[in-house]
Amino acid sequence: MANLGSSTVMLTGAGGALATAIAQELEDAGAQMVLVGRGDDLQRAADRFPATEVLDLDLTDAGSVDVLKKVKVDTLIHTVGAFRAQDVQKASEEDYQAMFDLNMLTLFHAVQGVLPGMLRQKDGIILGISAGQAAQLSGPKAALYTASKAALSAYILSLHDELKARGVRGCVLYPMGAIDTPQNRDEGMKWETMIDPRGLAKTVAHLLTRPDRAHVTEIKVYPDEEE
């Protein structure tokens, strides 16, 4: 079991399936948590997990940055995101805006909020959840989704290269398949070919306990598909 007793972790998208699994790992590892989310999902997470702060924030809003700057954390785990299947030729500017707002702008605002504190303490980890399509730079009916998740990956990896000498490191987690969530099951995906969010959560906990001189910048997690 990872030991994160000295860490304060900000978890965005609190209440979502993956964030809930990660929060359970963080609690088991003794980490302090700052939960960031919206509405009923956030409230369920706050009722279930102990947290030093619970913040109901729209991370697509630039005003969220000033709120986050007031919170001291060692780690940001950003799970906010969305998927929308669409034909390339039918995609609209609204579709473009939605994908980049939810998958990239939310990360940008979260980072802008926590980064000043991390730089002052010369220590911090920023971990984002990308997607298998972004790792492969392809995916039918997912051009905007893939592009927005690839932007997330590039942003974190560039951030890591720029700031690692100042103590702030970045990491991208790529689920190489659909995550086993109620929504994905409702859409007809088979659980045998989906990734258990608990496995992803354990991977995240492991990443947070690696030695400072062992930088893990990217990791891919595959579903255990039956032949």
C-alpha atoms as a PDB file:
ATOM      1  CA  MET A   1       0.000   0.000   0.000  1.00  0.00           C
ATOM      2  CA  ALA A   2       1.303   3.435  -0.940  1.00  0.00           C
ATOM      3  CA  ASN A   3       1.999   5.811   1.938  1.00  0.00           C
ATOM      4  CA  LEU A   4       0.943   9.382   1.168  1.00  0.00           C
ATOM      5  CA  GLY A   5       0.484  10.568   4.728  1.00  0.00           C
ATOM      6  CA  SER A   6       2.532  13.713   4.161  1.00  0.00           C
ATOM      7  CA  SER A   7       0.775  14.679   0.914  1.00  0.00           C
ATOM      8  CA  THR A   8      -2.130  16.979   0.122  1.00  0.00           C
ATOM      9  CA  VAL A   9      -3.721  16.024  -3.187  1.00  0.00           C
ATOM     10  CA  MET A  10      -6.203  18.072  -5.193  1.00  0.00           C
ATOM     11  CA  LEU A  11      -8.583  15.788  -7.090  1.00  0.00           C
ATOM     12  CA  THR A  12     -10.689  17.369  -9.812  1.00  0.00           C
ATOM     13  CA  GLY A  13     -13.806  15.777 -11.224  1.00  0.00           C
ATOM     14  CA  ALA A  14     -14.609  14.541  -7.719  1.00  0.00           C
ATOM     15  CA  GLY A  15     -17.543  12.147  -7.714  1.00  0.00           C
ATOM     16  CA  GLY A  16     -16.836  10.683 -11.143  1.00  0.00           C
ATOM     17  CA  ALA A  17     -16.158   6.961 -11.479  1.00  0.00           C
ATOM     18  CA  LEU A  18     -12.396   7.275 -11.910  1.00  0.00           C
ATOM     19  CA  ALA A  19     -12.053  10.074  -9.366  1.00  0.00           C
ATOM     20  CA  THR A  20     -13.978   8.000  -6.808  1.00  0.00           C
ATOM     21  CA  ALA A  21     -11.612   5.065  -7.274  1.00  0.00           C
ATOM     22  CA  ILE A  22      -8.613   7.375  -6.956  1.00  0.00           C
ATOM     23  CA  ALA A  23     -10.066   9.026  -3.854  1.00  0.00           C
ATOM     24  CA  GLN A  24     -10.409   5.597  -2.221  1.00  0.00           C
ATOM     25  CA  GLU A  25      -6.741   4.863  -2.917  1.00  0.00           C
ATOM     26  CA  LEU A  26      -5.748   8.271  -1.564  1.00  0.00           C
ATOM     27  CA  GLU A  27      -7.764   7.729   1.599  1.00  0.00           C
ATOM     28  CA  ASP A  28      -6.264   4.270   2.105  1.00  0.00           C
ATOM     29  CA  ALA A  29      -2.792   5.756   1.642  1.00  0.00           C
ATOM     30  CA  GLY A  30      -3.452   8.455   4.238  1.00  0.00           C
ATOM     31  CA  ALA A  31      -3.341  11.459   1.902  1.00  0.00           C
ATOM     32  CA  GLN A  32      -5.125  14.703   2.665  1.00  0.00           C
ATOM     33  CA  MET A  33      -7.579  15.572  -0.092  1.00  0.00           C
ATOM     34  CA  VAL A  34      -8.941  18.722  -1.675  1.00  0.00           C
ATOM     35  CA  LEU A  35     -12.033  17.745  -3.687  1.00  0.00           C
ATOM     36  CA  VAL A  36     -12.987  19.862  -6.689  1.00  0.00           C
ATOM     37  CA  GLY A  37     -16.149  19.147  -8.650  1.00  0.00           C
ATOM     38  CA  ARG A  38     -19.713  20.177  -9.336  1.00  0.00           C
ATOM     39  CA  GLY A  39     -23.121  19.708  -7.784  1.00  0.00           C
ATOM     40  CA  ASP A  40     -24.456  16.340  -6.671  1.00  0.00           C
ATOM     41  CA  ASP A  41     -21.360  14.411  -7.764  1.00  0.00           C
ATOM     42  CA  LEU A  42     -19.156  16.574  -5.578  1.00  0.00           C
ATOM     43  CA  GLN A  43     -21.535  16.268  -2.652  1.00  0.00           C
ATOM     44  CA  ARG A  44     -21.505  12.472  -2.867  1.00  0.00           C
ATOM     45  CA  ALA A  45     -17.708  12.514  -2.861  1.00  0.00           C
ATOM     46  CA  ALA A  46     -17.631  14.895   0.105  1.00  0.00           C
ATOM     47  CA  ASP A  47     -20.057  12.669   2.028  1.00  0.00           C
ATOM     48  CA  ARG A  48     -17.925   9.594   1.354  1.00  0.00           C
ATOM     49  CA  PHE A  49     -14.363  10.842   1.725  1.00  0.00           C
ATOM     50  CA  PRO A  50     -12.702  13.095   4.301  1.00  0.00           C
ATOM     51  CA  ALA A  51     -11.364  16.271   2.730  1.00  0.00           C
ATOM     52  CA  THR A  52      -9.575  19.336   3.999  1.00  0.00           C
ATOM     53  CA  GLU A  53     -11.541  21.419   1.470  1.00  0.00           C
ATOM     54  CA  VAL A  54     -14.477  20.849  -0.867  1.00  0.00           C
ATOM     55  CA  LEU A  55     -14.709  23.291  -3.778  1.00  0.00           C
ATOM     56  CA  ASP A  56     -17.707  23.507  -6.111  1.00  0.00           C
ATOM     57  CA  LEU A  57     -16.051  25.073  -9.154  1.00  0.00           C
ATOM     58  CA  ASP A  58     -16.608  25.300 -12.891  1.00  0.00           C
ATOM     59  CA  LEU A  59     -13.064  24.858 -14.160  1.00  0.00           C
ATOM     60  CA  THR A  60     -14.005  26.203 -17.577  1.00  0.00           C
ATOM     61  CA  ASP A  61     -14.459  29.564 -15.823  1.00  0.00           C
ATOM     62  CA  ALA A  62     -11.294  31.661 -15.476  1.00  0.00           C
ATOM     63  CA  GLY A  63     -12.545  32.794 -12.056  1.00  0.00           C
ATOM     64  CA  SER A  64     -11.751  29.332 -10.685  1.00  0.00           C
ATOM     65  CA  VAL A  65      -8.023  30.116 -10.891  1.00  0.00           C
ATOM     66  CA  ASP A  66      -8.138  32.703  -8.102  1.00  0.00           C
ATOM     67  CA  VAL A  67     -10.003  30.269  -5.840  1.00  0.00           C
ATOM     68  CA  LEU A  68      -7.459  27.499  -6.414  1.00  0.00           C
ATOM     69  CA  LYS A  69      -4.520  29.817  -5.759  1.00  0.00           C
ATOM     70  CA  LYS A  70      -5.643  30.027  -2.137  1.00  0.00           C
ATOM     71  CA  VAL A  71      -5.234  26.261  -1.630  1.00  0.00           C
ATOM     72  CA  LYS A  72      -1.867  24.656  -0.852  1.00  0.00           C
ATOM     73  CA  VAL A  73      -1.404  21.228  -2.417  1.00  0.00           C
ATOM     74  CA  ASP A  74       1.482  18.930  -3.316  1.00  0.00           C
ATOM     75  CA  THR A  75      -0.253  17.124  -6.157  1.00  0.00           C
ATOM     76  CA  LEU A  76      -2.926  17.857  -8.746  1.00  0.00           C
ATOM     77  CA  ILE A  77      -4.795  14.887 -10.211  1.00  0.00           C
ATOM     78  CA  HIS A  78      -6.980  16.148 -13.031  1.00  0.00           C
ATOM     79  CA  THR A  79      -9.750  13.747 -14.071  1.00  0.00           C
ATOM     80  CA  VAL A  80     -12.180  16.245 -15.645  1.00  0.00           C
ATOM     81  CA  GLY A  81     -12.986  15.383 -19.249  1.00  0.00           C
ATOM     82  CA  ALA A  82     -15.624  14.354 -21.736  1.00  0.00           C
ATOM     83  CA  PHE A  83     -16.063  12.218 -24.844  1.00  0.00           C
ATOM     84  CA  ARG A  84     -18.390  12.830 -27.738  1.00  0.00           C
ATOM     85  CA  ALA A  85     -18.496  10.593 -30.819  1.00  0.00           C
ATOM     86  CA  GLN A  86     -19.044  12.535 -34.015  1.00  0.00           C
ATOM     87  CA  ASP A  87     -18.382  12.367 -37.743  1.00  0.00           C
ATOM     88  CA  VAL A  88     -15.569  14.668 -38.818  1.00  0.00           C
ATOM     89  CA  GLN A  89     -17.625  16.338 -41.521  1.00  0.00           C
ATOM     90  CA  LYS A  90     -20.531  17.015 -39.161  1.00  0.00           C
ATOM     91  CA  ALA A  91     -18.545  18.504 -36.286  1.00  0.00           C
ATOM     92  CA  SER A  92     -19.482  22.076 -35.417  1.00  0.00           C
ATOM     93  CA  GLU A  93     -17.632  24.913 -33.732  1.00  0.00           C
ATOM     94  CA  GLU A  94     -19.784  24.192 -30.676  1.00  0.00           C
ATOM     95  CA  ASP A  95     -18.486  20.595 -30.677  1.00  0.00           C
ATOM     96  CA  TYR A  96     -14.927  21.912 -30.958  1.00  0.00           C
ATOM     97  CA  GLN A  97     -15.423  24.343 -28.100  1.00  0.00           C
ATOM     98  CA  ALA A  98     -17.002  21.708 -25.871  1.00  0.00           C
ATOM     99  CA  MET A  99     -14.199  19.185 -26.331  1.00  0.00           C
ATOM    100  CA  PHE A 100     -11.370  21.660 -25.827  1.00  0.00           C
ATOM    101  CA  ASP A 101     -13.099  23.430 -22.939  1.00  0.00           C
ATOM    102  CA  LEU A 102     -13.710  20.228 -20.985  1.00  0.00           C
ATOM    103  CA  ASN A 103     -10.548  18.332 -21.865  1.00  0.00           C
ATOM    104  CA  MET A 104      -7.971  21.117 -22.067  1.00  0.00           C
ATOM    105  CA  LEU A 105      -9.219  24.428 -20.661  1.00  0.00           C
ATOM    106  CA  THR A 106     -10.185  22.824 -17.347  1.00  0.00           C
ATOM    107  CA  LEU A 107      -6.632  21.500 -16.988  1.00  0.00           C
ATOM    108  CA  PHE A 108      -5.159  24.871 -17.909  1.00  0.00           C
ATOM    109  CA  HIS A 109      -7.169  26.660 -15.223  1.00  0.00           C
ATOM    110  CA  ALA A 110      -6.411  23.998 -12.617  1.00  0.00           C
ATOM    111  CA  VAL A 111      -2.685  24.240 -13.322  1.00  0.00           C
ATOM    112  CA  GLN A 112      -2.737  28.038 -13.258  1.00  0.00           C
ATOM    113  CA  GLY A 113      -4.365  27.780  -9.849  1.00  0.00           C
ATOM    114  CA  VAL A 114      -1.979  25.326  -8.160  1.00  0.00           C
ATOM    115  CA  LEU A 115       1.283  26.120  -9.924  1.00  0.00           C
ATOM    116  CA  PRO A 116       2.292  29.288  -8.034  1.00  0.00           C
ATOM    117  CA  GLY A 117       2.169  27.420  -4.716  1.00  0.00           C
ATOM    118  CA  MET A 118       4.080  24.447  -6.108  1.00  0.00           C
ATOM    119  CA  LEU A 119       6.817  26.715  -7.428  1.00  0.00           C
ATOM    120  CA  ARG A 120       7.095  28.504  -4.083  1.00  0.00           C
ATOM    121  CA  GLN A 121       7.569  25.206  -2.242  1.00  0.00           C
ATOM    122  CA  LYS A 122       9.761  23.833  -5.072  1.00  0.00           C
ATOM    123  CA  ASP A 123       7.773  20.620  -5.158  1.00  0.00           C
ATOM    124  CA  GLY A 124       4.710  19.370  -6.971  1.00  0.00           C
ATOM    125  CA  ILE A 125       3.194  16.739  -9.239  1.00  0.00           C
ATOM    126  CA  ILE A 126       0.649  17.438 -11.973  1.00  0.00           C
ATOM    127  CA  LEU A 127      -1.026  14.311 -13.315  1.00  0.00           C
ATOM    128  CA  GLY A 128      -3.573  14.364 -16.131  1.00  0.00           C
ATOM    129  CA  ILE A 129      -5.780  11.667 -17.610  1.00  0.00           C
ATOM    130  CA  SER A 130      -5.426  11.501 -21.374  1.00  0.00           C
ATOM    131  CA  ALA A 131      -6.750   8.755 -23.673  1.00  0.00           C
ATOM    132  CA  GLY A 132      -5.587   5.849 -25.780  1.00  0.00           C
ATOM    133  CA  GLN A 133      -6.614   7.702 -28.930  1.00  0.00           C
ATOM    134  CA  ALA A 134      -4.280  10.551 -27.989  1.00  0.00           C
ATOM    135  CA  ALA A 135      -1.403   8.135 -27.376  1.00  0.00           C
ATOM    136  CA  GLN A 136      -1.963   6.686 -30.845  1.00  0.00           C
ATOM    137  CA  LEU A 137      -2.967  10.011 -32.464  1.00  0.00           C
ATOM    138  CA  SER A 138      -5.929   8.330 -34.123  1.00  0.00           C
ATOM    139  CA  GLY A 139      -9.477   7.249 -33.510  1.00  0.00           C
ATOM    140  CA  PRO A 140     -12.544   7.042 -35.770  1.00  0.00           C
ATOM    141  CA  LYS A 141     -15.430   9.382 -34.914  1.00  0.00           C
ATOM    142  CA  ALA A 142     -13.251  10.997 -32.263  1.00  0.00           C
ATOM    143  CA  ALA A 143     -11.149  13.600 -34.072  1.00  0.00           C
ATOM    144  CA  LEU A 144     -11.933  16.485 -31.723  1.00  0.00           C
ATOM    145  CA  TYR A 145     -11.757  14.283 -28.645  1.00  0.00           C
ATOM    146  CA  THR A 146      -8.405  12.875 -29.754  1.00  0.00           C
ATOM    147  CA  ALA A 147      -7.048  16.330 -30.565  1.00  0.00           C
ATOM    148  CA  SER A 148      -8.122  17.778 -27.223  1.00  0.00           C
ATOM    149  CA  LYS A 149      -6.668  14.880 -25.240  1.00  0.00           C
ATOM    150  CA  ALA A 150      -3.445  15.069 -27.277  1.00  0.00           C
ATOM    151  CA  ALA A 151      -3.287  18.757 -26.350  1.00  0.00           C
ATOM    152  CA  LEU A 152      -3.591  17.787 -22.681  1.00  0.00           C
ATOM    153  CA  SER A 153      -0.708  15.331 -23.046  1.00  0.00           C
ATOM    154  CA  ALA A 154       1.526  17.823 -24.852  1.00  0.00           C
ATOM    155  CA  TYR A 155       0.795  20.527 -22.277  1.00  0.00           C
ATOM    156  CA  ILE A 156       1.739  18.344 -19.304  1.00  0.00           C
ATOM    157  CA  LEU A 157       4.861  16.919 -20.941  1.00  0.00           C
ATOM    158  CA  SER A 158       6.064  20.389 -21.943  1.00  0.00           C
ATOM    159  CA  LEU A 159       5.318  21.635 -18.426  1.00  0.00           C
ATOM    160  CA  HIS A 160       7.422  18.794 -17.033  1.00  0.00           C
ATOM    161  CA  ASP A 161      10.391  19.626 -19.253  1.00  0.00           C
ATOM    162  CA  GLU A 162      10.173  23.306 -18.356  1.00  0.00           C
ATOM    163  CA  LEU A 163       9.684  23.010 -14.604  1.00  0.00           C
ATOM    164  CA  LYS A 164      11.321  19.759 -13.465  1.00  0.00           C
ATOM    165  CA  ALA A 165      14.477  21.650 -12.461  1.00  0.00           C
ATOM    166  CA  ARG A 166      12.277  23.767 -10.169  1.00  0.00           C
ATOM    167  CA  GLY A 167      10.734  20.734  -8.486  1.00  0.00           C
ATOM    168  CA  VAL A 168       7.449  20.477 -10.410  1.00  0.00           C
ATOM    169  CA  ARG A 169       6.911  17.316 -12.410  1.00  0.00           C
ATOM    170  CA  GLY A 170       4.220  16.230 -14.835  1.00  0.00           C
ATOM    171  CA  CYS A 171       2.800  12.852 -15.772  1.00  0.00           C
ATOM    172  CA  VAL A 172       0.212  11.671 -18.291  1.00  0.00           C
ATOM    173  CA  LEU A 173      -1.858   8.539 -17.723  1.00  0.00           C
ATOM    174  CA  TYR A 174      -3.288   6.905 -20.848  1.00  0.00           C
ATOM    175  CA  PRO A 175      -6.183   4.473 -20.344  1.00  0.00           C
ATOM    176  CA  MET A 176      -5.772   2.417 -23.527  1.00  0.00           C
ATOM    177  CA  GLY A 177      -9.465   1.599 -23.726  1.00  0.00           C
ATOM    178  CA  ALA A 178     -12.809   2.625 -22.290  1.00  0.00           C
ATOM    179  CA  ILE A 179     -13.025   2.908 -18.507  1.00  0.00           C
ATOM    180  CA  ASP A 180     -15.626   0.677 -16.855  1.00  0.00           C
ATOM    181  CA  THR A 181     -18.244   3.228 -15.799  1.00  0.00           C
ATOM    182  CA  PRO A 182     -22.054   3.052 -15.583  1.00  0.00           C
ATOM    183  CA  GLN A 183     -22.307   5.449 -18.529  1.00  0.00           C
ATOM    184  CA  ASN A 184     -20.051   3.337 -20.734  1.00  0.00           C
ATOM    185  CA  ARG A 185     -22.011   0.204 -19.828  1.00  0.00           C
ATOM    186  CA  ASP A 186     -25.258   2.011 -20.666  1.00  0.00           C
ATOM    187  CA  GLU A 187     -23.776   2.784 -24.075  1.00  0.00           C
ATOM    188  CA  GLY A 188     -23.328  -0.941 -24.724  1.00  0.00           C
ATOM    189  CA  MET A 189     -19.629  -1.431 -24.043  1.00  0.00           C
ATOM    190  CA  LYS A 190     -18.670  -4.860 -22.705  1.00  0.00           C
ATOM    191  CA  TRP A 191     -17.058  -4.983 -19.282  1.00  0.00           C
ATOM    192  CA  GLU A 192     -14.607  -7.659 -20.471  1.00  0.00           C
ATOM    193  CA  THR A 193     -12.890  -5.123 -22.747  1.00  0.00           C
ATOM    194  CA  MET A 194     -12.982  -2.150 -20.386  1.00  0.00           C
ATOM    195  CA  ILE A 195     -10.433  -0.997 -17.812  1.00  0.00           C
ATOM    196  CA  ASP A 196     -11.332  -1.282 -14.148  1.00  0.00           C
ATOM    197  CA  PRO A 197     -11.056   2.222 -12.625  1.00  0.00           C
ATOM    198  CA  ARG A 198      -9.638   0.628  -9.468  1.00  0.00           C
ATOM    199  CA  GLY A 199      -6.641  -0.576 -11.449  1.00  0.00           C
ATOM    200  CA  LEU A 200      -6.074   2.901 -12.827  1.00  0.00           C
ATOM    201  CA  ALA A 201      -6.373   4.300  -9.314  1.00  0.00           C
ATOM    202  CA  LYS A 202      -3.698   1.941  -7.989  1.00  0.00           C
ATOM    203  CA  THR A 203      -1.447   3.007 -10.848  1.00  0.00           C
ATOM    204  CA  VAL A 204      -1.940   6.644  -9.861  1.00  0.00           C
ATOM    205  CA  ALA A 205      -1.106   5.888  -6.221  1.00  0.00           C
ATOM    206  CA  HIS A 206       2.067   4.102  -7.324  1.00  0.00           C
ATOM    207  CA  LEU A 207       3.113   7.065  -9.469  1.00  0.00           C
ATOM    208  CA  LEU A 208       2.761   9.407  -6.499  1.00  0.00           C
ATOM    209  CA  THR A 209       5.220   7.391  -4.413  1.00  0.00           C
ATOM    210  CA  ARG A 210       8.090   7.026  -6.871  1.00  0.00           C
ATOM    211  CA  PRO A 211      11.464   8.500  -5.811  1.00  0.00           C
ATOM    212  CA  ASP A 212      12.128  12.109  -6.793  1.00  0.00           C
ATOM    213  CA  ARG A 213      14.919  11.047  -9.139  1.00  0.00           C
ATOM    214  CA  ALA A 214      12.691   8.504 -10.916  1.00  0.00           C
ATOM    215  CA  HIS A 215      10.527  10.642 -13.173  1.00  0.00           C
ATOM    216  CA  VAL A 216       7.598   8.798 -14.722  1.00  0.00           C
ATOM    217  CA  THR A 217       6.179  11.079 -17.397  1.00  0.00           C
ATOM    218  CA  GLU A 218       3.862   8.730 -19.318  1.00  0.00           C
ATOM    219  CA  ILE A 219       2.175   5.425 -18.572  1.00  0.00           C
ATOM    220  CA  LYS A 220      -0.274   3.338 -20.589  1.00  0.00           C
ATOM    221  CA  VAL A 221      -2.771   0.962 -18.980  1.00  0.00           C
ATOM    222  CA  TYR A 222      -4.449  -1.639 -21.210  1.00  0.00           C
ATOM    223  CA  PRO A 223      -7.626  -3.647 -20.669  1.00  0.00           C
ATOM    224  CA  ASP A 224      -7.186  -7.368 -20.081  1.00  0.00           C
ATOM    225  CA  GLU A 225      -8.980  -8.532 -23.224  1.00  0.00           C
ATOM    226  CA  GLU A 226     -10.028 -12.131 -23.577  1.00  0.00           C
ATOM    227  CA  GLU A 227      -9.169 -13.882 -26.828  1.00  0.00           C
END
